[in-house]
Amino acid sequence: HHLAEPILDELKKHLGEKDRVVVVQCNTL
């Protein structure tokens, strides 16, 4: 649980300057 921020941080390492990413944590899906 509570991985949204660490996931976002890791993904940003692999993105270009103009790339954007959104990470959403859902309780139920």
mmCIF file of all heavy atoms, coordinates in Angstrom:
data_MODEL
# 
_entry.id   MODEL 
# 
loop_
_atom_site.group_PDB 
_atom_site.id 
_atom_site.type_symbol 
_atom_site.label_atom_id 
_atom_site.label_alt_id 
_atom_site.label_comp_id 
_atom_site.label_asym_id 
_atom_site.label_entity_id 
_atom_site.label_seq_id 
_atom_site.pdbx_PDB_ins_code 
_atom_site.Cartn_x 
_atom_site.Cartn_y 
_atom_site.Cartn_z 
_atom_site.occupancy 
_atom_site.B_iso_or_equiv 
_atom_site.pdbx_formal_charge 
_atom_site.auth_seq_id 
_atom_site.auth_comp_id 
_atom_site.auth_asym_id 
_atom_site.auth_atom_id 
_atom_site.pdbx_PDB_model_num 
ATOM 1   N N   . HIS A 1 1  ? 0.832   -1.203 0.000   1.00 0.00 ? 1  HIS A N   1 
ATOM 2   C CA  . HIS A 1 1  ? 0.000   0.000  0.000   1.00 0.00 ? 1  HIS A CA  1 
ATOM 3   C C   . HIS A 1 1  ? 0.865   1.251  0.000   1.00 0.00 ? 1  HIS A C   1 
ATOM 4   O O   . HIS A 1 1  ? 2.055   1.208  0.322   1.00 0.00 ? 1  HIS A O   1 
ATOM 5   C CB  . HIS A 1 1  ? -0.932  -0.008 1.210   1.00 0.00 ? 1  HIS A CB  1 
ATOM 6   C CG  . HIS A 1 1  ? -1.915  -1.142 1.168   1.00 0.00 ? 1  HIS A CG  1 
ATOM 7   N ND1 . HIS A 1 1  ? -3.102  -1.052 0.501   1.00 0.00 ? 1  HIS A ND1 1 
ATOM 8   C CD2 . HIS A 1 1  ? -1.849  -2.398 1.680   1.00 0.00 ? 1  HIS A CD2 1 
ATOM 9   C CE1 . HIS A 1 1  ? -3.759  -2.214 0.621   1.00 0.00 ? 1  HIS A CE1 1 
ATOM 10  N NE2 . HIS A 1 1  ? -3.010  -3.039 1.323   1.00 0.00 ? 1  HIS A NE2 1 
ATOM 11  N N   . HIS A 1 2  ? 0.258   2.373  -0.347  1.00 0.00 ? 2  HIS A N   1 
ATOM 12  C CA  . HIS A 1 2  ? 0.902   3.687  -0.309  1.00 0.00 ? 2  HIS A CA  1 
ATOM 13  C C   . HIS A 1 2  ? 2.127   3.745  -1.224  1.00 0.00 ? 2  HIS A C   1 
ATOM 14  O O   . HIS A 1 2  ? 3.163   4.273  -0.848  1.00 0.00 ? 2  HIS A O   1 
ATOM 15  C CB  . HIS A 1 2  ? 1.271   4.077  1.121   1.00 0.00 ? 2  HIS A CB  1 
ATOM 16  C CG  . HIS A 1 2  ? 0.144   3.914  2.081   1.00 0.00 ? 2  HIS A CG  1 
ATOM 17  N ND1 . HIS A 1 2  ? -1.000  4.680  2.007   1.00 0.00 ? 2  HIS A ND1 1 
ATOM 18  C CD2 . HIS A 1 2  ? -0.038  3.060  3.105   1.00 0.00 ? 2  HIS A CD2 1 
ATOM 19  C CE1 . HIS A 1 2  ? -1.836  4.306  2.969   1.00 0.00 ? 2  HIS A CE1 1 
ATOM 20  N NE2 . HIS A 1 2  ? -1.280  3.326  3.637   1.00 0.00 ? 2  HIS A NE2 1 
ATOM 21  N N   . LEU A 1 3  ? 1.993   3.206  -2.423  1.00 0.00 ? 3  LEU A N   1 
ATOM 22  C CA  . LEU A 1 3  ? 3.111   3.201  -3.366  1.00 0.00 ? 3  LEU A CA  1 
ATOM 23  C C   . LEU A 1 3  ? 2.995   4.259  -4.456  1.00 0.00 ? 3  LEU A C   1 
ATOM 24  O O   . LEU A 1 3  ? 3.882   4.361  -5.286  1.00 0.00 ? 3  LEU A O   1 
ATOM 25  C CB  . LEU A 1 3  ? 3.216   1.834  -4.041  1.00 0.00 ? 3  LEU A CB  1 
ATOM 26  C CG  . LEU A 1 3  ? 3.783   0.699  -3.211  1.00 0.00 ? 3  LEU A CG  1 
ATOM 27  C CD1 . LEU A 1 3  ? 3.844   -0.567 -4.050  1.00 0.00 ? 3  LEU A CD1 1 
ATOM 28  C CD2 . LEU A 1 3  ? 5.154   1.033  -2.675  1.00 0.00 ? 3  LEU A CD2 1 
ATOM 29  N N   . ALA A 1 4  ? 1.934   5.042  -4.459  1.00 0.00 ? 4  ALA A N   1 
ATOM 30  C CA  . ALA A 1 4  ? 1.731   5.985  -5.559  1.00 0.00 ? 4  ALA A CA  1 
ATOM 31  C C   . ALA A 1 4  ? 2.928   6.914  -5.737  1.00 0.00 ? 4  ALA A C   1 
ATOM 32  O O   . ALA A 1 4  ? 3.425   7.093  -6.845  1.00 0.00 ? 4  ALA A O   1 
ATOM 33  C CB  . ALA A 1 4  ? 0.453   6.792  -5.350  1.00 0.00 ? 4  ALA A CB  1 
ATOM 34  N N   . GLU A 1 5  ? 3.412   7.496  -4.661  1.00 0.00 ? 5  GLU A N   1 
ATOM 35  C CA  . GLU A 1 5  ? 4.549   8.421  -4.756  1.00 0.00 ? 5  GLU A CA  1 
ATOM 36  C C   . GLU A 1 5  ? 5.837   7.707  -5.187  1.00 0.00 ? 5  GLU A C   1 
ATOM 37  O O   . GLU A 1 5  ? 6.521   8.171  -6.098  1.00 0.00 ? 5  GLU A O   1 
ATOM 38  C CB  . GLU A 1 5  ? 4.742   9.151  -3.434  1.00 0.00 ? 5  GLU A CB  1 
ATOM 39  C CG  . GLU A 1 5  ? 5.589   10.386 -3.538  1.00 0.00 ? 5  GLU A CG  1 
ATOM 40  C CD  . GLU A 1 5  ? 4.946   11.495 -4.370  1.00 0.00 ? 5  GLU A CD  1 
ATOM 41  O OE1 . GLU A 1 5  ? 3.723   11.662 -4.311  1.00 0.00 ? 5  GLU A OE1 1 
ATOM 42  O OE2 . GLU A 1 5  ? 5.693   12.175 -5.083  1.00 0.00 ? 5  GLU A OE2 1 
ATOM 43  N N   . PRO A 1 6  ? 6.187   6.558  -4.559  1.00 0.00 ? 6  PRO A N   1 
ATOM 44  C CA  . PRO A 1 6  ? 7.385   5.840  -5.034  1.00 0.00 ? 6  PRO A CA  1 
ATOM 45  C C   . PRO A 1 6  ? 7.273   5.371  -6.491  1.00 0.00 ? 6  PRO A C   1 
ATOM 46  O O   . PRO A 1 6  ? 8.260   5.413  -7.228  1.00 0.00 ? 6  PRO A O   1 
ATOM 47  C CB  . PRO A 1 6  ? 7.503   4.650  -4.090  1.00 0.00 ? 6  PRO A CB  1 
ATOM 48  C CG  . PRO A 1 6  ? 6.764   5.046  -2.856  1.00 0.00 ? 6  PRO A CG  1 
ATOM 49  C CD  . PRO A 1 6  ? 5.668   5.954  -3.332  1.00 0.00 ? 6  PRO A CD  1 
ATOM 50  N N   . ILE A 1 7  ? 6.084   4.953  -6.917  1.00 0.00 ? 7  ILE A N   1 
ATOM 51  C CA  . ILE A 1 7  ? 5.891   4.543  -8.312  1.00 0.00 ? 7  ILE A CA  1 
ATOM 52  C C   . ILE A 1 7  ? 6.120   5.741  -9.225  1.00 0.00 ? 7  ILE A C   1 
ATOM 53  O O   . ILE A 1 7  ? 6.837   5.657  -10.222 1.00 0.00 ? 7  ILE A O   1 
ATOM 54  C CB  . ILE A 1 7  ? 4.472   3.960  -8.524  1.00 0.00 ? 7  ILE A CB  1 
ATOM 55  C CG1 . ILE A 1 7  ? 4.362   2.589  -7.866  1.00 0.00 ? 7  ILE A CG1 1 
ATOM 56  C CG2 . ILE A 1 7  ? 4.141   3.876  -10.015 1.00 0.00 ? 7  ILE A CG2 1 
ATOM 57  C CD1 . ILE A 1 7  ? 2.946   2.039  -7.844  1.00 0.00 ? 7  ILE A CD1 1 
ATOM 58  N N   . LEU A 1 8  ? 5.536   6.879  -8.868  1.00 0.00 ? 8  LEU A N   1 
ATOM 59  C CA  . LEU A 1 8  ? 5.694   8.090  -9.665  1.00 0.00 ? 8  LEU A CA  1 
ATOM 60  C C   . LEU A 1 8  ? 7.162   8.493  -9.756  1.00 0.00 ? 8  LEU A C   1 
ATOM 61  O O   . LEU A 1 8  ? 7.662   8.814  -10.840 1.00 0.00 ? 8  LEU A O   1 
ATOM 62  C CB  . LEU A 1 8  ? 4.867   9.216  -9.060  1.00 0.00 ? 8  LEU A CB  1 
ATOM 63  C CG  . LEU A 1 8  ? 4.832   10.539 -9.813  1.00 0.00 ? 8  LEU A CG  1 
ATOM 64  C CD1 . LEU A 1 8  ? 4.294   10.353 -11.221 1.00 0.00 ? 8  LEU A CD1 1 
ATOM 65  C CD2 . LEU A 1 8  ? 4.006   11.552 -9.051  1.00 0.00 ? 8  LEU A CD2 1 
ATOM 66  N N   . ASP A 1 9  ? 7.864   8.448  -8.641  1.00 0.00 ? 9  ASP A N   1 
ATOM 67  C CA  . ASP A 1 9  ? 9.286   8.802  -8.630  1.00 0.00 ? 9  ASP A CA  1 
ATOM 68  C C   . ASP A 1 9  ? 10.101  7.893  -9.549  1.00 0.00 ? 9  ASP A C   1 
ATOM 69  O O   . ASP A 1 9  ? 10.963  8.355  -10.298 1.00 0.00 ? 9  ASP A O   1 
ATOM 70  C CB  . ASP A 1 9  ? 9.856   8.736  -7.209  1.00 0.00 ? 9  ASP A CB  1 
ATOM 71  C CG  . ASP A 1 9  ? 9.303   9.827  -6.305  1.00 0.00 ? 9  ASP A CG  1 
ATOM 72  O OD1 . ASP A 1 9  ? 8.755   10.823 -6.816  1.00 0.00 ? 9  ASP A OD1 1 
ATOM 73  O OD2 . ASP A 1 9  ? 9.397   9.663  -5.069  1.00 0.00 ? 9  ASP A OD2 1 
ATOM 74  N N   . GLU A 1 10 ? 9.815   6.607  -9.518  1.00 0.00 ? 10 GLU A N   1 
ATOM 75  C CA  . GLU A 1 10 ? 10.552  5.655  -10.368 1.00 0.00 ? 10 GLU A CA  1 
ATOM 76  C C   . GLU A 1 10 ? 10.227  5.866  -11.843 1.00 0.00 ? 10 GLU A C   1 
ATOM 77  O O   . GLU A 1 10 ? 11.111  5.835  -12.696 1.00 0.00 ? 10 GLU A O   1 
ATOM 78  C CB  . GLU A 1 10 ? 10.243  4.219  -9.947  1.00 0.00 ? 10 GLU A CB  1 
ATOM 79  C CG  . GLU A 1 10 ? 11.040  3.173  -10.669 1.00 0.00 ? 10 GLU A CG  1 
ATOM 80  C CD  . GLU A 1 10 ? 12.552  3.280  -10.440 1.00 0.00 ? 10 GLU A CD  1 
ATOM 81  O OE1 . GLU A 1 10 ? 12.979  3.742  -9.360  1.00 0.00 ? 10 GLU A OE1 1 
ATOM 82  O OE2 . GLU A 1 10 ? 13.304  2.895  -11.360 1.00 0.00 ? 10 GLU A OE2 1 
ATOM 83  N N   . LEU A 1 11 ? 8.955   6.105  -12.152 1.00 0.00 ? 11 LEU A N   1 
ATOM 84  C CA  . LEU A 1 11 ? 8.565   6.309  -13.551 1.00 0.00 ? 11 LEU A CA  1 
ATOM 85  C C   . LEU A 1 11 ? 9.201   7.570  -14.128 1.00 0.00 ? 11 LEU A C   1 
ATOM 86  O O   . LEU A 1 11 ? 9.613   7.593  -15.289 1.00 0.00 ? 11 LEU A O   1 
ATOM 87  C CB  . LEU A 1 11 ? 7.039   6.394  -13.667 1.00 0.00 ? 11 LEU A CB  1 
ATOM 88  C CG  . LEU A 1 11 ? 6.280   5.102  -13.366 1.00 0.00 ? 11 LEU A CG  1 
ATOM 89  C CD1 . LEU A 1 11 ? 4.792   5.365  -13.373 1.00 0.00 ? 11 LEU A CD1 1 
ATOM 90  C CD2 . LEU A 1 11 ? 6.642   4.010  -14.346 1.00 0.00 ? 11 LEU A CD2 1 
ATOM 91  N N   . LYS A 1 12 ? 9.306   8.613  -13.321 1.00 0.00 ? 12 LYS A N   1 
ATOM 92  C CA  . LYS A 1 12 ? 9.891   9.876  -13.792 1.00 0.00 ? 12 LYS A CA  1 
ATOM 93  C C   . LYS A 1 12 ? 11.341  9.698  -14.237 1.00 0.00 ? 12 LYS A C   1 
ATOM 94  O O   . LYS A 1 12 ? 11.809  10.420 -15.105 1.00 0.00 ? 12 LYS A O   1 
ATOM 95  C CB  . LYS A 1 12 ? 9.813   10.939 -12.696 1.00 0.00 ? 12 LYS A CB  1 
ATOM 96  C CG  . LYS A 1 12 ? 8.437   11.516 -12.531 1.00 0.00 ? 12 LYS A CG  1 
ATOM 97  C CD  . LYS A 1 12 ? 8.449   12.579 -11.434 1.00 0.00 ? 12 LYS A CD  1 
ATOM 98  C CE  . LYS A 1 12 ? 7.099   13.225 -11.264 1.00 0.00 ? 12 LYS A CE  1 
ATOM 99  N NZ  . LYS A 1 12 ? 7.114   14.217 -10.167 1.00 0.00 ? 12 LYS A NZ  1 
ATOM 100 N N   . LYS A 1 13 ? 12.034  8.727  -13.674 1.00 0.00 ? 13 LYS A N   1 
ATOM 101 C CA  . LYS A 1 13 ? 13.422  8.463  -14.061 1.00 0.00 ? 13 LYS A CA  1 
ATOM 102 C C   . LYS A 1 13 ? 13.516  7.994  -15.512 1.00 0.00 ? 13 LYS A C   1 
ATOM 103 O O   . LYS A 1 13 ? 14.566  8.085  -16.137 1.00 0.00 ? 13 LYS A O   1 
ATOM 104 C CB  . LYS A 1 13 ? 14.047  7.401  -13.160 1.00 0.00 ? 13 LYS A CB  1 
ATOM 105 C CG  . LYS A 1 13 ? 14.198  7.807  -11.718 1.00 0.00 ? 13 LYS A CG  1 
ATOM 106 C CD  . LYS A 1 13 ? 14.744  6.647  -10.911 1.00 0.00 ? 13 LYS A CD  1 
ATOM 107 C CE  . LYS A 1 13 ? 14.759  6.925  -9.432  1.00 0.00 ? 13 LYS A CE  1 
ATOM 108 N NZ  . LYS A 1 13 ? 15.197  5.749  -8.659  1.00 0.00 ? 13 LYS A NZ  1 
ATOM 109 N N   . HIS A 1 14 ? 12.418  7.469  -16.042 1.00 0.00 ? 14 HIS A N   1 
ATOM 110 C CA  . HIS A 1 14 ? 12.414  6.869  -17.375 1.00 0.00 ? 14 HIS A CA  1 
ATOM 111 C C   . HIS A 1 14 ? 11.637  7.696  -18.400 1.00 0.00 ? 14 HIS A C   1 
ATOM 112 O O   . HIS A 1 14 ? 11.423  7.239  -19.518 1.00 0.00 ? 14 HIS A O   1 
ATOM 113 C CB  . HIS A 1 14 ? 11.823  5.459  -17.302 1.00 0.00 ? 14 HIS A CB  1 
ATOM 114 C CG  . HIS A 1 14 ? 12.550  4.571  -16.351 1.00 0.00 ? 14 HIS A CG  1 
ATOM 115 N ND1 . HIS A 1 14 ? 13.714  3.924  -16.688 1.00 0.00 ? 14 HIS A ND1 1 
ATOM 116 C CD2 . HIS A 1 14 ? 12.299  4.260  -15.057 1.00 0.00 ? 14 HIS A CD2 1 
ATOM 117 C CE1 . HIS A 1 14 ? 14.137  3.227  -15.644 1.00 0.00 ? 14 HIS A CE1 1 
ATOM 118 N NE2 . HIS A 1 14 ? 13.301  3.415  -14.647 1.00 0.00 ? 14 HIS A NE2 1 
ATOM 119 N N   . LEU A 1 15 ? 11.217  8.898  -18.007 1.00 0.00 ? 15 LEU A N   1 
ATOM 120 C CA  . LEU A 1 15 ? 10.429  9.737  -18.900 1.00 0.00 ? 15 LEU A CA  1 
ATOM 121 C C   . LEU A 1 15 ? 11.267  10.875 -19.458 1.00 0.00 ? 15 LEU A C   1 
ATOM 122 O O   . LEU A 1 15 ? 12.222  11.331 -18.819 1.00 0.00 ? 15 LEU A O   1 
ATOM 123 C CB  . LEU A 1 15 ? 9.225   10.324 -18.155 1.00 0.00 ? 15 LEU A CB  1 
ATOM 124 C CG  . LEU A 1 15 ? 8.164   9.319  -17.728 1.00 0.00 ? 15 LEU A CG  1 
ATOM 125 C CD1 . LEU A 1 15 ? 7.123   9.994  -16.845 1.00 0.00 ? 15 LEU A CD1 1 
ATOM 126 C CD2 . LEU A 1 15 ? 7.498   8.683  -18.929 1.00 0.00 ? 15 LEU A CD2 1 
ATOM 127 N N   . GLY A 1 16 ? 10.878  11.326 -20.632 1.00 0.00 ? 16 GLY A N   1 
ATOM 128 C CA  . GLY A 1 16 ? 11.534  12.476 -21.232 1.00 0.00 ? 16 GLY A CA  1 
ATOM 129 C C   . GLY A 1 16 ? 11.046  13.770 -20.608 1.00 0.00 ? 16 GLY A C   1 
ATOM 130 O O   . GLY A 1 16 ? 10.099  13.789 -19.813 1.00 0.00 ? 16 GLY A O   1 
ATOM 131 N N   . GLU A 1 17 ? 11.662  14.873 -21.002 1.00 0.00 ? 17 GLU A N   1 
ATOM 132 C CA  . GLU A 1 17 ? 11.345  16.181 -20.440 1.00 0.00 ? 17 GLU A CA  1 
ATOM 133 C C   . GLU A 1 17 ? 9.889   16.592 -20.666 1.00 0.00 ? 17 GLU A C   1 
ATOM 134 O O   . GLU A 1 17 ? 9.266   17.194 -19.808 1.00 0.00 ? 17 GLU A O   1 
ATOM 135 C CB  . GLU A 1 17 ? 12.266  17.226 -21.075 1.00 0.00 ? 17 GLU A CB  1 
ATOM 136 C CG  . GLU A 1 17 ? 12.905  18.153 -20.086 1.00 0.00 ? 17 GLU A CG  1 
ATOM 137 C CD  . GLU A 1 17 ? 13.860  19.085 -20.776 1.00 0.00 ? 17 GLU A CD  1 
ATOM 138 O OE1 . GLU A 1 17 ? 13.384  20.049 -21.416 1.00 0.00 ? 17 GLU A OE1 1 
ATOM 139 O OE2 . GLU A 1 17 ? 15.077  18.842 -20.685 1.00 0.00 ? 17 GLU A OE2 1 
ATOM 140 N N   . LYS A 1 18 ? 9.350   16.257 -21.834 1.00 0.00 ? 18 LYS A N   1 
ATOM 141 C CA  . LYS A 1 18 ? 7.984   16.673 -22.174 1.00 0.00 ? 18 LYS A CA  1 
ATOM 142 C C   . LYS A 1 18 ? 6.940   15.600 -21.874 1.00 0.00 ? 18 LYS A C   1 
ATOM 143 O O   . LYS A 1 18 ? 5.756   15.810 -22.104 1.00 0.00 ? 18 LYS A O   1 
ATOM 144 C CB  . LYS A 1 18 ? 7.914   17.078 -23.637 1.00 0.00 ? 18 LYS A CB  1 
ATOM 145 C CG  . LYS A 1 18 ? 8.748   18.305 -23.925 1.00 0.00 ? 18 LYS A CG  1 
ATOM 146 C CD  . LYS A 1 18 ? 8.607   18.720 -25.362 1.00 0.00 ? 18 LYS A CD  1 
ATOM 147 C CE  . LYS A 1 18 ? 9.450   19.962 -25.614 1.00 0.00 ? 18 LYS A CE  1 
ATOM 148 N NZ  . LYS A 1 18 ? 9.297   20.452 -26.981 1.00 0.00 ? 18 LYS A NZ  1 
ATOM 149 N N   . ASP A 1 19 ? 7.372   14.461 -21.387 1.00 0.00 ? 19 ASP A N   1 
ATOM 150 C CA  . ASP A 1 19 ? 6.445   13.376 -21.066 1.00 0.00 ? 19 ASP A CA  1 
ATOM 151 C C   . ASP A 1 19 ? 5.756   13.663 -19.733 1.00 0.00 ? 19 ASP A C   1 
ATOM 152 O O   . ASP A 1 19 ? 6.332   14.277 -18.838 1.00 0.00 ? 19 ASP A O   1 
ATOM 153 C CB  . ASP A 1 19 ? 7.194   12.045 -20.950 1.00 0.00 ? 19 ASP A CB  1 
ATOM 154 C CG  . ASP A 1 19 ? 7.851   11.626 -22.248 1.00 0.00 ? 19 ASP A CG  1 
ATOM 155 O OD1 . ASP A 1 19 ? 7.446   12.143 -23.304 1.00 0.00 ? 19 ASP A OD1 1 
ATOM 156 O OD2 . ASP A 1 19 ? 8.761   10.790 -22.193 1.00 0.00 ? 19 ASP A OD2 1 
ATOM 157 N N   . ARG A 1 20 ? 4.524   13.207 -19.628 1.00 0.00 ? 20 ARG A N   1 
ATOM 158 C CA  . ARG A 1 20 ? 3.778   13.370 -18.383 1.00 0.00 ? 20 ARG A CA  1 
ATOM 159 C C   . ARG A 1 20 ? 3.214   12.016 -17.956 1.00 0.00 ? 20 ARG A C   1 
ATOM 160 O O   . ARG A 1 20 ? 2.897   11.178 -18.785 1.00 0.00 ? 20 ARG A O   1 
ATOM 161 C CB  . ARG A 1 20 ? 2.635   14.368 -18.561 1.00 0.00 ? 20 ARG A CB  1 
ATOM 162 C CG  . ARG A 1 20 ? 3.132   15.768 -18.881 1.00 0.00 ? 20 ARG A CG  1 
ATOM 163 C CD  . ARG A 1 20 ? 2.023   16.751 -18.966 1.00 0.00 ? 20 ARG A CD  1 
ATOM 164 N NE  . ARG A 1 20 ? 1.139   16.382 -20.078 1.00 0.00 ? 20 ARG A NE  1 
ATOM 165 C CZ  . ARG A 1 20 ? 0.029   17.013 -20.378 1.00 0.00 ? 20 ARG A CZ  1 
ATOM 166 N NH1 . ARG A 1 20 ? -0.359  18.036 -19.678 1.00 0.00 ? 20 ARG A NH1 1 
ATOM 167 N NH2 . ARG A 1 20 ? -0.715  16.632 -21.392 1.00 0.00 ? 20 ARG A NH2 1 
ATOM 168 N N   . VAL A 1 21 ? 3.082   11.862 -16.641 1.00 0.00 ? 21 VAL A N   1 
ATOM 169 C CA  . VAL A 1 21 ? 2.515   10.626 -16.098 1.00 0.00 ? 21 VAL A CA  1 
ATOM 170 C C   . VAL A 1 21 ? 1.616   10.987 -14.919 1.00 0.00 ? 21 VAL A C   1 
ATOM 171 O O   . VAL A 1 21 ? 1.882   11.923 -14.178 1.00 0.00 ? 21 VAL A O   1 
ATOM 172 C CB  . VAL A 1 21 ? 3.619   9.629  -15.669 1.00 0.00 ? 21 VAL A CB  1 
ATOM 173 C CG1 . VAL A 1 21 ? 4.483   10.201 -14.561 1.00 0.00 ? 21 VAL A CG1 1 
ATOM 174 C CG2 . VAL A 1 21 ? 3.018   8.304  -15.230 1.00 0.00 ? 21 VAL A CG2 1 
ATOM 175 N N   . VAL A 1 22 ? 0.546   10.216 -14.773 1.00 0.00 ? 22 VAL A N   1 
ATOM 176 C CA  . VAL A 1 22 ? -0.363  10.339 -13.639 1.00 0.00 ? 22 VAL A CA  1 
ATOM 177 C C   . VAL A 1 22 ? -0.472  8.959  -13.012 1.00 0.00 ? 22 VAL A C   1 
ATOM 178 O O   . VAL A 1 22 ? -0.676  7.967  -13.711 1.00 0.00 ? 22 VAL A O   1 
ATOM 179 C CB  . VAL A 1 22 ? -1.761  10.829 -14.081 1.00 0.00 ? 22 VAL A CB  1 
ATOM 180 C CG1 . VAL A 1 22 ? -2.728  10.828 -12.916 1.00 0.00 ? 22 VAL A CG1 1 
ATOM 181 C CG2 . VAL A 1 22 ? -1.677  12.201 -14.717 1.00 0.00 ? 22 VAL A CG2 1 
ATOM 182 N N   . VAL A 1 23 ? -0.328  8.903  -11.693 1.00 0.00 ? 23 VAL A N   1 
ATOM 183 C CA  . VAL A 1 23 ? -0.489  7.658  -10.945 1.00 0.00 ? 23 VAL A CA  1 
ATOM 184 C C   . VAL A 1 23 ? -1.653  7.852  -9.985  1.00 0.00 ? 23 VAL A C   1 
ATOM 185 O O   . VAL A 1 23 ? -1.645  8.777  -9.177  1.00 0.00 ? 23 VAL A O   1 
ATOM 186 C CB  . VAL A 1 23 ? 0.791   7.289  -10.164 1.00 0.00 ? 23 VAL A CB  1 
ATOM 187 C CG1 . VAL A 1 23 ? 0.572   6.035  -9.335  1.00 0.00 ? 23 VAL A CG1 1 
ATOM 188 C CG2 . VAL A 1 23 ? 1.969   7.109  -11.113 1.00 0.00 ? 23 VAL A CG2 1 
ATOM 189 N N   . VAL A 1 24 ? -2.646  6.978  -10.083 1.00 0.00 ? 24 VAL A N   1 
ATOM 190 C CA  . VAL A 1 24 ? -3.824  7.059  -9.225  1.00 0.00 ? 24 VAL A CA  1 
ATOM 191 C C   . VAL A 1 24 ? -3.946  5.762  -8.447  1.00 0.00 ? 24 VAL A C   1 
ATOM 192 O O   . VAL A 1 24 ? -3.920  4.681  -9.036  1.00 0.00 ? 24 VAL A O   1 
ATOM 193 C CB  . VAL A 1 24 ? -5.103  7.282  -10.064 1.00 0.00 ? 24 VAL A CB  1 
ATOM 194 C CG1 . VAL A 1 24 ? -6.331  7.317  -9.167  1.00 0.00 ? 24 VAL A CG1 1 
ATOM 195 C CG2 . VAL A 1 24 ? -4.993  8.544  -10.888 1.00 0.00 ? 24 VAL A CG2 1 
ATOM 196 N N   . GLN A 1 25 ? -4.082  5.889  -7.124  1.00 0.00 ? 25 GLN A N   1 
ATOM 197 C CA  . GLN A 1 25 ? -4.313  4.711  -6.291  1.00 0.00 ? 25 GLN A CA  1 
ATOM 198 C C   . GLN A 1 25 ? -5.808  4.613  -6.035  1.00 0.00 ? 25 GLN A C   1 
ATOM 199 O O   . GLN A 1 25 ? -6.440  5.587  -5.650  1.00 0.00 ? 25 GLN A O   1 
ATOM 200 C CB  . GLN A 1 25 ? -3.569  4.811  -4.967  1.00 0.00 ? 25 GLN A CB  1 
ATOM 201 C CG  . GLN A 1 25 ? -3.788  3.588  -4.100  1.00 0.00 ? 25 GLN A CG  1 
ATOM 202 C CD  . GLN A 1 25 ? -2.996  3.635  -2.800  1.00 0.00 ? 25 GLN A CD  1 
ATOM 203 O OE1 . GLN A 1 25 ? -2.196  4.520  -2.587  1.00 0.00 ? 25 GLN A OE1 1 
ATOM 204 N NE2 . GLN A 1 25 ? -3.237  2.674  -1.947  1.00 0.00 ? 25 GLN A NE2 1 
ATOM 205 N N   . CYS A 1 26 ? -6.369  3.440  -6.262  1.00 0.00 ? 26 CYS A N   1 
ATOM 206 C CA  . CYS A 1 26 ? -7.801  3.211  -6.085  1.00 0.00 ? 26 CYS A CA  1 
ATOM 207 C C   . CYS A 1 26 ? -8.005  2.200  -4.965  1.00 0.00 ? 26 CYS A C   1 
ATOM 208 O O   . CYS A 1 26 ? -7.283  1.208  -4.892  1.00 0.00 ? 26 CYS A O   1 
ATOM 209 C CB  . CYS A 1 26 ? -8.418  2.653  -7.360  1.00 0.00 ? 26 CYS A CB  1 
ATOM 210 S SG  . CYS A 1 26 ? -8.084  3.633  -8.814  1.00 0.00 ? 26 CYS A SG  1 
ATOM 211 N N   . ASN A 1 27 ? -8.992  2.447  -4.124  1.00 0.00 ? 27 ASN A N   1 
ATOM 212 C CA  . ASN A 1 27 ? -9.307  1.486  -3.065  1.00 0.00 ? 27 ASN A CA  1 
ATOM 213 C C   . ASN A 1 27 ? -10.049 0.289  -3.626  1.00 0.00 ? 27 ASN A C   1 
ATOM 214 O O   . ASN A 1 27 ? -9.811  -0.842 -3.245  1.00 0.00 ? 27 ASN A O   1 
ATOM 215 C CB  . ASN A 1 27 ? -10.142 2.145  -1.968  1.00 0.00 ? 27 ASN A CB  1 
ATOM 216 C CG  . ASN A 1 27 ? -9.344  3.164  -1.202  1.00 0.00 ? 27 ASN A CG  1 
ATOM 217 O OD1 . ASN A 1 27 ? -8.134  3.038  -1.081  1.00 0.00 ? 27 ASN A OD1 1 
ATOM 218 N ND2 . ASN A 1 27 ? -9.999  4.184  -0.717  1.00 0.00 ? 27 ASN A ND2 1 
ATOM 219 N N   . THR A 1 28 ? -10.963 0.542  -4.521  1.00 0.00 ? 28 THR A N   1 
ATOM 220 C CA  . THR A 1 28 ? -11.695 -0.548 -5.161  1.00 0.00 ? 28 THR A CA  1 
ATOM 221 C C   . THR A 1 28 ? -11.715 -0.299 -6.657  1.00 0.00 ? 28 THR A C   1 
ATOM 222 O O   . THR A 1 28 ? -11.722 0.836  -7.113  1.00 0.00 ? 28 THR A O   1 
ATOM 223 C CB  . THR A 1 28 ? -13.153 -0.633 -4.656  1.00 0.00 ? 28 THR A CB  1 
ATOM 224 O OG1 . THR A 1 28 ? -13.788 0.619  -4.900  1.00 0.00 ? 28 THR A OG1 1 
ATOM 225 C CG2 . THR A 1 28 ? -13.204 -0.977 -3.190  1.00 0.00 ? 28 THR A CG2 1 
ATOM 226 N N   . LEU A 1 29 ? -11.713 -1.376 -7.381  1.00 0.00 ? 29 LEU A N   1 
ATOM 227 C CA  . LEU A 1 29 ? -11.709 -1.280 -8.835  1.00 0.00 ? 29 LEU A CA  1 
ATOM 228 C C   . LEU A 1 29 ? -12.416 -2.502 -9.384  1.00 0.00 ? 29 LEU A C   1 
ATOM 229 O O   . LEU A 1 29 ? -12.118 -3.628 -8.979  1.00 0.00 ? 29 LEU A O   1 
ATOM 230 C CB  . LEU A 1 29 ? -10.263 -1.208 -9.338  1.00 0.00 ? 29 LEU A CB  1 
ATOM 231 C CG  . LEU A 1 29 ? -10.049 -0.973 -10.813 1.00 0.00 ? 29 LEU A CG  1 
ATOM 232 C CD1 . LEU A 1 29 ? -10.508 0.435  -11.199 1.00 0.00 ? 29 LEU A CD1 1 
ATOM 233 C CD2 . LEU A 1 29 ? -8.583  -1.132 -11.153 1.00 0.00 ? 29 LEU A CD2 1 
# 
